[in-house]
Amino acid sequence: MKGKIYLIPTTLGESEISSVIPQNVKSIIEELNVFIVENIRTARRYIRKVSATKVIDDITFFELNKHTDNNKLSSFLQAAIEGKSIGIISEAGNPGIADPGASIVSIAHRKGLQVVPLVGPSSILLALISSGLNGQNFAFNGYLPVKQNEKIKKIQFLENRSKKENQSQIFMETPYRNMKMLDDIFSSCKKNTLLCIATDITLETEFIQTRTISEWKKNKPQINKRPTIFILQAI
């Protein structure tokens, strides 16, 4: 019998494990000895936090990130072919969303392996449900272009699409560029367009507010180097 591929959620920051990670996730982690992770160091630290009794030295880790040779991905799943279940761990939240884990999941399906998603925090969905914006019709756009002219064009495109399709537009930015992102949004969008800023989700410093662009301009939040989800909806 083939092993299963478990998509294991992690915390979105230094929050208490018990407050955001279900007990069954701990039980599954304790059963597994093969993991595909975005970063071995942080994965080891997370596993120790979840289970103090887990013997880390017994674990086989495969690292999957932007530096990984795609030709090696199929070999990462060999243990599952041989009957051992495997866990996939992202750097934060759930694997497969804004995360390289999607590529290994795609290969798992082609190999006929069962993929099991586990419940855990998703910054994208938590931001959306707390925004008050359209949760019936929405799009996640990942990271916007880095070059300013291209980014501004993208922001304007998303604003127009939002109004035309009545669709919430979700995107993110590298935390140290958050304040520049705000400036570009403020300069690109109409004053009555709604913007949700969801920062440090599930942490003690959590900040989630939805306001118009004109209202945000009067009181610009300090979100530099803080993980943030942005949601636009034109009205």
C-alpha atoms as a PDB file:
ATOM      1  CA  MET A   1       0.000   0.000   0.000  1.00  0.00           C
ATOM      2  CA  LYS A   2       1.279   3.456  -0.907  1.00  0.00           C
ATOM      3  CA  GLY A   3       1.855   6.116   1.728  1.00  0.00           C
ATOM      4  CA  LYS A   4      -0.144   9.323   1.935  1.00  0.00           C
ATOM      5  CA  ILE A   5       0.977  12.898   1.336  1.00  0.00           C
ATOM      6  CA  TYR A   6      -0.063  15.133   4.246  1.00  0.00           C
ATOM      7  CA  LEU A   7      -0.244  18.908   3.733  1.00  0.00           C
ATOM      8  CA  ILE A   8       0.766  20.132   7.180  1.00  0.00           C
ATOM      9  CA  PRO A   9      -0.140  23.661   8.325  1.00  0.00           C
ATOM     10  CA  THR A  10       2.225  25.825  10.335  1.00  0.00           C
ATOM     11  CA  THR A  11       1.755  28.962  12.386  1.00  0.00           C
ATOM     12  CA  LEU A  12       1.832  32.365  10.683  1.00  0.00           C
ATOM     13  CA  GLY A  13       4.352  33.645  13.212  1.00  0.00           C
ATOM     14  CA  GLU A  14       5.349  33.164  16.830  1.00  0.00           C
ATOM     15  CA  SER A  15       1.857  32.291  18.054  1.00  0.00           C
ATOM     16  CA  GLU A  16       0.953  29.512  20.456  1.00  0.00           C
ATOM     17  CA  ILE A  17       0.705  26.149  18.712  1.00  0.00           C
ATOM     18  CA  SER A  18      -2.425  25.201  20.640  1.00  0.00           C
ATOM     19  CA  SER A  19      -4.288  28.337  19.527  1.00  0.00           C
ATOM     20  CA  VAL A  20      -3.970  27.765  15.759  1.00  0.00           C
ATOM     21  CA  ILE A  21      -2.906  24.149  15.107  1.00  0.00           C
ATOM     22  CA  PRO A  22      -5.422  21.305  15.721  1.00  0.00           C
ATOM     23  CA  GLN A  23      -4.425  18.361  17.912  1.00  0.00           C
ATOM     24  CA  ASN A  24      -4.691  15.858  15.060  1.00  0.00           C
ATOM     25  CA  VAL A  25      -1.886  17.702  13.221  1.00  0.00           C
ATOM     26  CA  LYS A  26       0.424  16.978  16.166  1.00  0.00           C
ATOM     27  CA  SER A  27      -0.563  13.298  16.087  1.00  0.00           C
ATOM     28  CA  ILE A  28       0.204  13.028  12.365  1.00  0.00           C
ATOM     29  CA  ILE A  29       3.559  14.812  12.699  1.00  0.00           C
ATOM     30  CA  GLU A  30       4.539  12.349  15.431  1.00  0.00           C
ATOM     31  CA  GLU A  31       3.812   9.437  13.070  1.00  0.00           C
ATOM     32  CA  LEU A  32       5.871  10.744  10.143  1.00  0.00           C
ATOM     33  CA  ASN A  33       9.600  10.447   9.545  1.00  0.00           C
ATOM     34  CA  VAL A  34       9.823  11.888   6.036  1.00  0.00           C
ATOM     35  CA  PHE A  35       9.122  15.566   5.322  1.00  0.00           C
ATOM     36  CA  ILE A  36       9.349  17.812   2.283  1.00  0.00           C
ATOM     37  CA  VAL A  37       9.931  21.341   3.571  1.00  0.00           C
ATOM     38  CA  GLU A  38      10.673  24.822   2.311  1.00  0.00           C
ATOM     39  CA  ASN A  39      13.447  25.342   4.855  1.00  0.00           C
ATOM     40  CA  ILE A  40      14.938  22.522   6.932  1.00  0.00           C
ATOM     41  CA  ARG A  41      16.045  24.726   9.828  1.00  0.00           C
ATOM     42  CA  THR A  42      12.657  26.327  10.412  1.00  0.00           C
ATOM     43  CA  ALA A  43      10.854  23.018   9.837  1.00  0.00           C
ATOM     44  CA  ARG A  44      12.949  21.330  12.523  1.00  0.00           C
ATOM     45  CA  ARG A  45      12.173  24.164  14.930  1.00  0.00           C
ATOM     46  CA  TYR A  46       8.451  23.937  14.180  1.00  0.00           C
ATOM     47  CA  ILE A  47       8.354  20.165  14.676  1.00  0.00           C
ATOM     48  CA  ARG A  48      10.099  20.558  18.039  1.00  0.00           C
ATOM     49  CA  LYS A  49       7.469  23.102  19.102  1.00  0.00           C
ATOM     50  CA  VAL A  50       4.621  20.804  18.078  1.00  0.00           C
ATOM     51  CA  SER A  51       6.092  17.664  19.661  1.00  0.00           C
ATOM     52  CA  ALA A  52       8.816  17.843  22.285  1.00  0.00           C
ATOM     53  CA  THR A  53       9.180  14.049  22.213  1.00  0.00           C
ATOM     54  CA  LYS A  54       9.745  13.731  18.448  1.00  0.00           C
ATOM     55  CA  VAL A  55      13.278  12.547  17.649  1.00  0.00           C
ATOM     56  CA  ILE A  56      14.402  15.031  15.002  1.00  0.00           C
ATOM     57  CA  ASP A  57      17.498  13.019  14.065  1.00  0.00           C
ATOM     58  CA  ASP A  58      15.251  10.149  12.901  1.00  0.00           C
ATOM     59  CA  ILE A  59      13.634  12.395  10.276  1.00  0.00           C
ATOM     60  CA  THR A  60      14.586  12.522   6.594  1.00  0.00           C
ATOM     61  CA  PHE A  61      14.150  16.008   5.140  1.00  0.00           C
ATOM     62  CA  PHE A  62      13.925  17.059   1.502  1.00  0.00           C
ATOM     63  CA  GLU A  63      14.168  20.782   0.832  1.00  0.00           C
ATOM     64  CA  LEU A  64      11.807  22.285  -1.740  1.00  0.00           C
ATOM     65  CA  ASN A  65      12.262  25.948  -2.594  1.00  0.00           C
ATOM     66  CA  LYS A  66      13.254  28.183  -5.513  1.00  0.00           C
ATOM     67  CA  HIS A  67      16.764  26.676  -5.515  1.00  0.00           C
ATOM     68  CA  THR A  68      15.595  23.054  -5.849  1.00  0.00           C
ATOM     69  CA  ASP A  69      16.305  21.197  -9.079  1.00  0.00           C
ATOM     70  CA  ASN A  70      12.878  20.310 -10.502  1.00  0.00           C
ATOM     71  CA  ASN A  71      14.308  17.096 -11.926  1.00  0.00           C
ATOM     72  CA  LYS A  72      14.774  15.811  -8.361  1.00  0.00           C
ATOM     73  CA  LEU A  73      11.194  16.387  -7.192  1.00  0.00           C
ATOM     74  CA  SER A  74       9.860  13.020  -8.251  1.00  0.00           C
ATOM     75  CA  SER A  75      12.511  11.257  -6.140  1.00  0.00           C
ATOM     76  CA  PHE A  76      11.258  13.079  -3.023  1.00  0.00           C
ATOM     77  CA  LEU A  77       8.102  10.940  -3.200  1.00  0.00           C
ATOM     78  CA  GLN A  78       9.859   7.575  -3.421  1.00  0.00           C
ATOM     79  CA  ALA A  79       9.207   6.842   0.263  1.00  0.00           C
ATOM     80  CA  ALA A  80       5.449   7.178  -0.341  1.00  0.00           C
ATOM     81  CA  ILE A  81       5.666   4.813  -3.312  1.00  0.00           C
ATOM     82  CA  GLU A  82       7.307   2.333  -0.927  1.00  0.00           C
ATOM     83  CA  GLY A  83       4.551   2.733   1.675  1.00  0.00           C
ATOM     84  CA  LYS A  84       5.762   5.520   3.985  1.00  0.00           C
ATOM     85  CA  SER A  85       3.599   8.606   4.392  1.00  0.00           C
ATOM     86  CA  ILE A  86       5.192  12.019   3.851  1.00  0.00           C
ATOM     87  CA  GLY A  87       4.466  15.446   5.326  1.00  0.00           C
ATOM     88  CA  ILE A  88       4.822  18.709   3.382  1.00  0.00           C
ATOM     89  CA  ILE A  89       5.550  21.839   5.425  1.00  0.00           C
ATOM     90  CA  SER A  90       5.618  25.427   4.170  1.00  0.00           C
ATOM     91  CA  GLU A  91       7.367  28.350   5.861  1.00  0.00           C
ATOM     92  CA  ALA A  92       4.036  29.729   7.090  1.00  0.00           C
ATOM     93  CA  GLY A  93       0.390  28.741   6.820  1.00  0.00           C
ATOM     94  CA  ASN A  94      -0.663  26.041   4.378  1.00  0.00           C
ATOM     95  CA  PRO A  95       1.477  24.382   1.686  1.00  0.00           C
ATOM     96  CA  GLY A  96       0.589  24.978  -1.937  1.00  0.00           C
ATOM     97  CA  ILE A  97      -0.640  28.583  -1.738  1.00  0.00           C
ATOM     98  CA  ALA A  98       2.001  31.176  -2.660  1.00  0.00           C
ATOM     99  CA  ASP A  99       4.367  28.309  -1.935  1.00  0.00           C
ATOM    100  CA  PRO A 100       6.476  25.856  -3.980  1.00  0.00           C
ATOM    101  CA  GLY A 101       4.638  22.899  -2.417  1.00  0.00           C
ATOM    102  CA  ALA A 102       2.091  22.917  -5.248  1.00  0.00           C
ATOM    103  CA  SER A 103       4.637  21.394  -7.636  1.00  0.00           C
ATOM    104  CA  ILE A 104       5.245  18.325  -5.485  1.00  0.00           C
ATOM    105  CA  VAL A 105       1.498  17.881  -4.906  1.00  0.00           C
ATOM    106  CA  SER A 106       0.952  17.879  -8.660  1.00  0.00           C
ATOM    107  CA  ILE A 107       3.521  15.092  -9.051  1.00  0.00           C
ATOM    108  CA  ALA A 108       1.892  13.154  -6.192  1.00  0.00           C
ATOM    109  CA  HIS A 109      -1.431  13.166  -8.054  1.00  0.00           C
ATOM    110  CA  ARG A 110       0.237  11.904 -11.229  1.00  0.00           C
ATOM    111  CA  LYS A 111       1.766   9.059  -9.229  1.00  0.00           C
ATOM    112  CA  GLY A 112      -1.618   8.082  -7.800  1.00  0.00           C
ATOM    113  CA  LEU A 113      -0.753   9.087  -4.236  1.00  0.00           C
ATOM    114  CA  GLN A 114      -3.473  10.237  -1.849  1.00  0.00           C
ATOM    115  CA  VAL A 115      -3.092  13.889  -0.864  1.00  0.00           C
ATOM    116  CA  VAL A 116      -4.538  14.796   2.551  1.00  0.00           C
ATOM    117  CA  PRO A 117      -5.006  18.500   3.424  1.00  0.00           C
ATOM    118  CA  LEU A 118      -4.957  19.284   7.150  1.00  0.00           C
ATOM    119  CA  VAL A 119      -6.793  22.185   8.770  1.00  0.00           C
ATOM    120  CA  GLY A 120      -4.684  25.174   9.776  1.00  0.00           C
ATOM    121  CA  PRO A 121      -4.320  28.953   9.421  1.00  0.00           C
ATOM    122  CA  SER A 122      -4.379  30.528   5.953  1.00  0.00           C
ATOM    123  CA  SER A 123      -3.538  34.233   6.003  1.00  0.00           C
ATOM    124  CA  ILE A 124      -5.326  34.701   2.674  1.00  0.00           C
ATOM    125  CA  LEU A 125      -8.658  33.257   3.781  1.00  0.00           C
ATOM    126  CA  LEU A 126      -8.477  34.721   7.288  1.00  0.00           C
ATOM    127  CA  ALA A 127      -7.900  38.163   5.780  1.00  0.00           C
ATOM    128  CA  LEU A 128     -10.789  37.749   3.357  1.00  0.00           C
ATOM    129  CA  ILE A 129     -13.374  36.572   5.874  1.00  0.00           C
ATOM    130  CA  SER A 130     -12.489  39.399   8.259  1.00  0.00           C
ATOM    131  CA  SER A 131     -12.403  42.116   5.585  1.00  0.00           C
ATOM    132  CA  GLY A 132     -16.124  42.550   4.972  1.00  0.00           C
ATOM    133  CA  LEU A 133     -15.375  42.483   1.242  1.00  0.00           C
ATOM    134  CA  ASN A 134     -16.824  40.112  -1.351  1.00  0.00           C
ATOM    135  CA  GLY A 135     -16.270  36.525  -0.245  1.00  0.00           C
ATOM    136  CA  GLN A 136     -18.476  35.119  -3.017  1.00  0.00           C
ATOM    137  CA  ASN A 137     -16.252  36.300  -5.847  1.00  0.00           C
ATOM    138  CA  PHE A 138     -12.552  36.877  -5.227  1.00  0.00           C
ATOM    139  CA  ALA A 139      -9.117  36.339  -6.790  1.00  0.00           C
ATOM    140  CA  PHE A 140      -5.720  35.765  -5.217  1.00  0.00           C
ATOM    141  CA  ASN A 141      -3.006  37.442  -7.282  1.00  0.00           C
ATOM    142  CA  GLY A 142       0.083  36.515  -5.274  1.00  0.00           C
ATOM    143  CA  TYR A 143       2.961  38.993  -5.413  1.00  0.00           C
ATOM    144  CA  LEU A 144       2.668  42.015  -7.706  1.00  0.00           C
ATOM    145  CA  PRO A 145       5.560  43.131  -9.959  1.00  0.00           C
ATOM    146  CA  VAL A 146       8.549  44.684  -8.195  1.00  0.00           C
ATOM    147  CA  LYS A 147       9.195  47.438 -10.757  1.00  0.00           C
ATOM    148  CA  GLN A 148       7.112  50.450  -9.825  1.00  0.00           C
ATOM    149  CA  ASN A 149       5.648  51.228 -13.243  1.00  0.00           C
ATOM    150  CA  GLU A 150       4.615  47.611 -13.735  1.00  0.00           C
ATOM    151  CA  LYS A 151       3.235  47.413 -10.209  1.00  0.00           C
ATOM    152  CA  ILE A 152       1.116  50.536 -10.637  1.00  0.00           C
ATOM    153  CA  LYS A 153      -0.297  49.195 -13.905  1.00  0.00           C
ATOM    154  CA  LYS A 154      -1.171  45.942 -12.113  1.00  0.00           C
ATOM    155  CA  ILE A 155      -2.839  47.744  -9.217  1.00  0.00           C
ATOM    156  CA  GLN A 156      -4.945  49.810 -11.628  1.00  0.00           C
ATOM    157  CA  PHE A 157      -5.826  46.661 -13.583  1.00  0.00           C
ATOM    158  CA  LEU A 158      -6.949  44.925 -10.384  1.00  0.00           C
ATOM    159  CA  GLU A 159      -9.015  47.923  -9.309  1.00  0.00           C
ATOM    160  CA  ASN A 160     -10.771  48.057 -12.686  1.00  0.00           C
ATOM    161  CA  ARG A 161     -11.328  44.310 -12.683  1.00  0.00           C
ATOM    162  CA  SER A 162     -12.731  44.495  -9.167  1.00  0.00           C
ATOM    163  CA  LYS A 163     -15.328  47.077 -10.193  1.00  0.00           C
ATOM    164  CA  LYS A 164     -16.205  45.379 -13.473  1.00  0.00           C
ATOM    165  CA  GLU A 165     -16.630  41.894 -11.980  1.00  0.00           C
ATOM    166  CA  ASN A 166     -17.565  42.846  -8.385  1.00  0.00           C
ATOM    167  CA  GLN A 167     -14.574  40.783  -7.315  1.00  0.00           C
ATOM    168  CA  SER A 168     -12.302  41.201  -4.294  1.00  0.00           C
ATOM    169  CA  GLN A 169      -8.643  41.334  -5.389  1.00  0.00           C
ATOM    170  CA  ILE A 170      -6.191  39.787  -2.913  1.00  0.00           C
ATOM    171  CA  PHE A 171      -2.427  40.218  -3.102  1.00  0.00           C
ATOM    172  CA  MET A 172       0.675  40.359  -0.937  1.00  0.00           C
ATOM    173  CA  GLU A 173       4.098  41.959  -0.735  1.00  0.00           C
ATOM    174  CA  THR A 174       7.498  41.189   0.727  1.00  0.00           C
ATOM    175  CA  PRO A 175       7.152  42.689   4.249  1.00  0.00           C
ATOM    176  CA  TYR A 176      10.043  45.162   3.965  1.00  0.00           C
ATOM    177  CA  ARG A 177       8.353  46.688   0.888  1.00  0.00           C
ATOM    178  CA  ASN A 178       4.927  47.083   2.522  1.00  0.00           C
ATOM    179  CA  MET A 179       5.126  50.854   3.005  1.00  0.00           C
ATOM    180  CA  LYS A 180       6.137  51.369  -0.619  1.00  0.00           C
ATOM    181  CA  MET A 181       3.209  49.177  -1.643  1.00  0.00           C
ATOM    182  CA  LEU A 182       0.866  51.424   0.336  1.00  0.00           C
ATOM    183  CA  ASP A 183       2.248  54.502  -1.391  1.00  0.00           C
ATOM    184  CA  ASP A 184       1.708  52.898  -4.796  1.00  0.00           C
ATOM    185  CA  ILE A 185      -1.847  51.864  -3.898  1.00  0.00           C
ATOM    186  CA  PHE A 186      -2.652  55.358  -2.623  1.00  0.00           C
ATOM    187  CA  SER A 187      -1.319  56.994  -5.776  1.00  0.00           C
ATOM    188  CA  SER A 188      -3.021  54.528  -8.142  1.00  0.00           C
ATOM    189  CA  CYS A 189      -6.521  53.946  -6.773  1.00  0.00           C
ATOM    190  CA  LYS A 190      -9.672  56.043  -6.643  1.00  0.00           C
ATOM    191  CA  LYS A 191     -10.465  57.667  -3.316  1.00  0.00           C
ATOM    192  CA  ASN A 192     -13.623  55.619  -2.667  1.00  0.00           C
ATOM    193  CA  THR A 193     -12.059  52.216  -3.449  1.00  0.00           C
ATOM    194  CA  LEU A 194     -12.047  49.952  -0.397  1.00  0.00           C
ATOM    195  CA  LEU A 195      -8.778  48.514   0.885  1.00  0.00           C
ATOM    196  CA  CYS A 196      -8.383  45.915   3.609  1.00  0.00           C
ATOM    197  CA  ILE A 197      -5.002  45.767   5.316  1.00  0.00           C
ATOM    198  CA  ALA A 198      -4.584  42.532   7.295  1.00  0.00           C
ATOM    199  CA  THR A 199      -1.300  42.406   9.212  1.00  0.00           C
ATOM    200  CA  ASP A 200       0.242  39.916  11.679  1.00  0.00           C
ATOM    201  CA  ILE A 201      -2.780  37.632  11.397  1.00  0.00           C
ATOM    202  CA  THR A 202      -3.266  35.348  14.465  1.00  0.00           C
ATOM    203  CA  LEU A 203      -0.475  37.144  16.356  1.00  0.00           C
ATOM    204  CA  GLU A 204      -0.856  39.388  19.414  1.00  0.00           C
ATOM    205  CA  THR A 205      -0.068  42.388  17.186  1.00  0.00           C
ATOM    206  CA  GLU A 206      -2.818  41.495  14.683  1.00  0.00           C
ATOM    207  CA  PHE A 207      -4.254  44.469  12.793  1.00  0.00           C
ATOM    208  CA  ILE A 208      -7.151  44.119  10.339  1.00  0.00           C
ATOM    209  CA  GLN A 209      -9.037  47.137   9.007  1.00  0.00           C
ATOM    210  CA  THR A 210     -11.054  47.942   5.871  1.00  0.00           C
ATOM    211  CA  ARG A 211     -11.321  51.590   4.853  1.00  0.00           C
ATOM    212  CA  THR A 212     -11.538  53.702   1.721  1.00  0.00           C
ATOM    213  CA  ILE A 213      -8.329  54.926   0.113  1.00  0.00           C
ATOM    214  CA  SER A 214      -9.111  58.495   1.185  1.00  0.00           C
ATOM    215  CA  GLU A 215      -9.552  57.359   4.794  1.00  0.00           C
ATOM    216  CA  TRP A 216      -6.279  55.406   4.766  1.00  0.00           C
ATOM    217  CA  LYS A 217      -4.409  58.440   3.454  1.00  0.00           C
ATOM    218  CA  LYS A 218      -5.397  60.359   6.590  1.00  0.00           C
ATOM    219  CA  ASN A 219      -4.018  57.677   8.903  1.00  0.00           C
ATOM    220  CA  LYS A 220      -1.352  55.566   7.228  1.00  0.00           C
ATOM    221  CA  PRO A 221      -0.663  52.382   9.230  1.00  0.00           C
ATOM    222  CA  GLN A 222       2.875  51.326  10.127  1.00  0.00           C
ATOM    223  CA  ILE A 223       3.214  47.859   8.619  1.00  0.00           C
ATOM    224  CA  ASN A 224       6.878  47.839   7.674  1.00  0.00           C
ATOM    225  CA  LYS A 225       8.410  44.344   7.938  1.00  0.00           C
ATOM    226  CA  ARG A 226       5.095  42.883   9.146  1.00  0.00           C
ATOM    227  CA  PRO A 227       3.465  40.076   7.083  1.00  0.00           C
ATOM    228  CA  THR A 228       0.459  41.635   5.378  1.00  0.00           C
ATOM    229  CA  ILE A 229      -2.377  40.704   3.034  1.00  0.00           C
ATOM    230  CA  PHE A 230      -3.939  43.460   0.906  1.00  0.00           C
ATOM    231  CA  ILE A 231      -7.488  43.257  -0.477  1.00  0.00           C
ATOM    232  CA  LEU A 232      -8.922  45.777  -2.949  1.00  0.00           C
ATOM    233  CA  GLN A 233     -12.550  46.225  -3.887  1.00  0.00           C
ATOM    234  CA  ALA A 234     -13.735  49.092  -6.052  1.00  0.00           C
ATOM    235  CA  ILE A 235     -17.266  50.397  -5.479  1.00  0.00           C
END
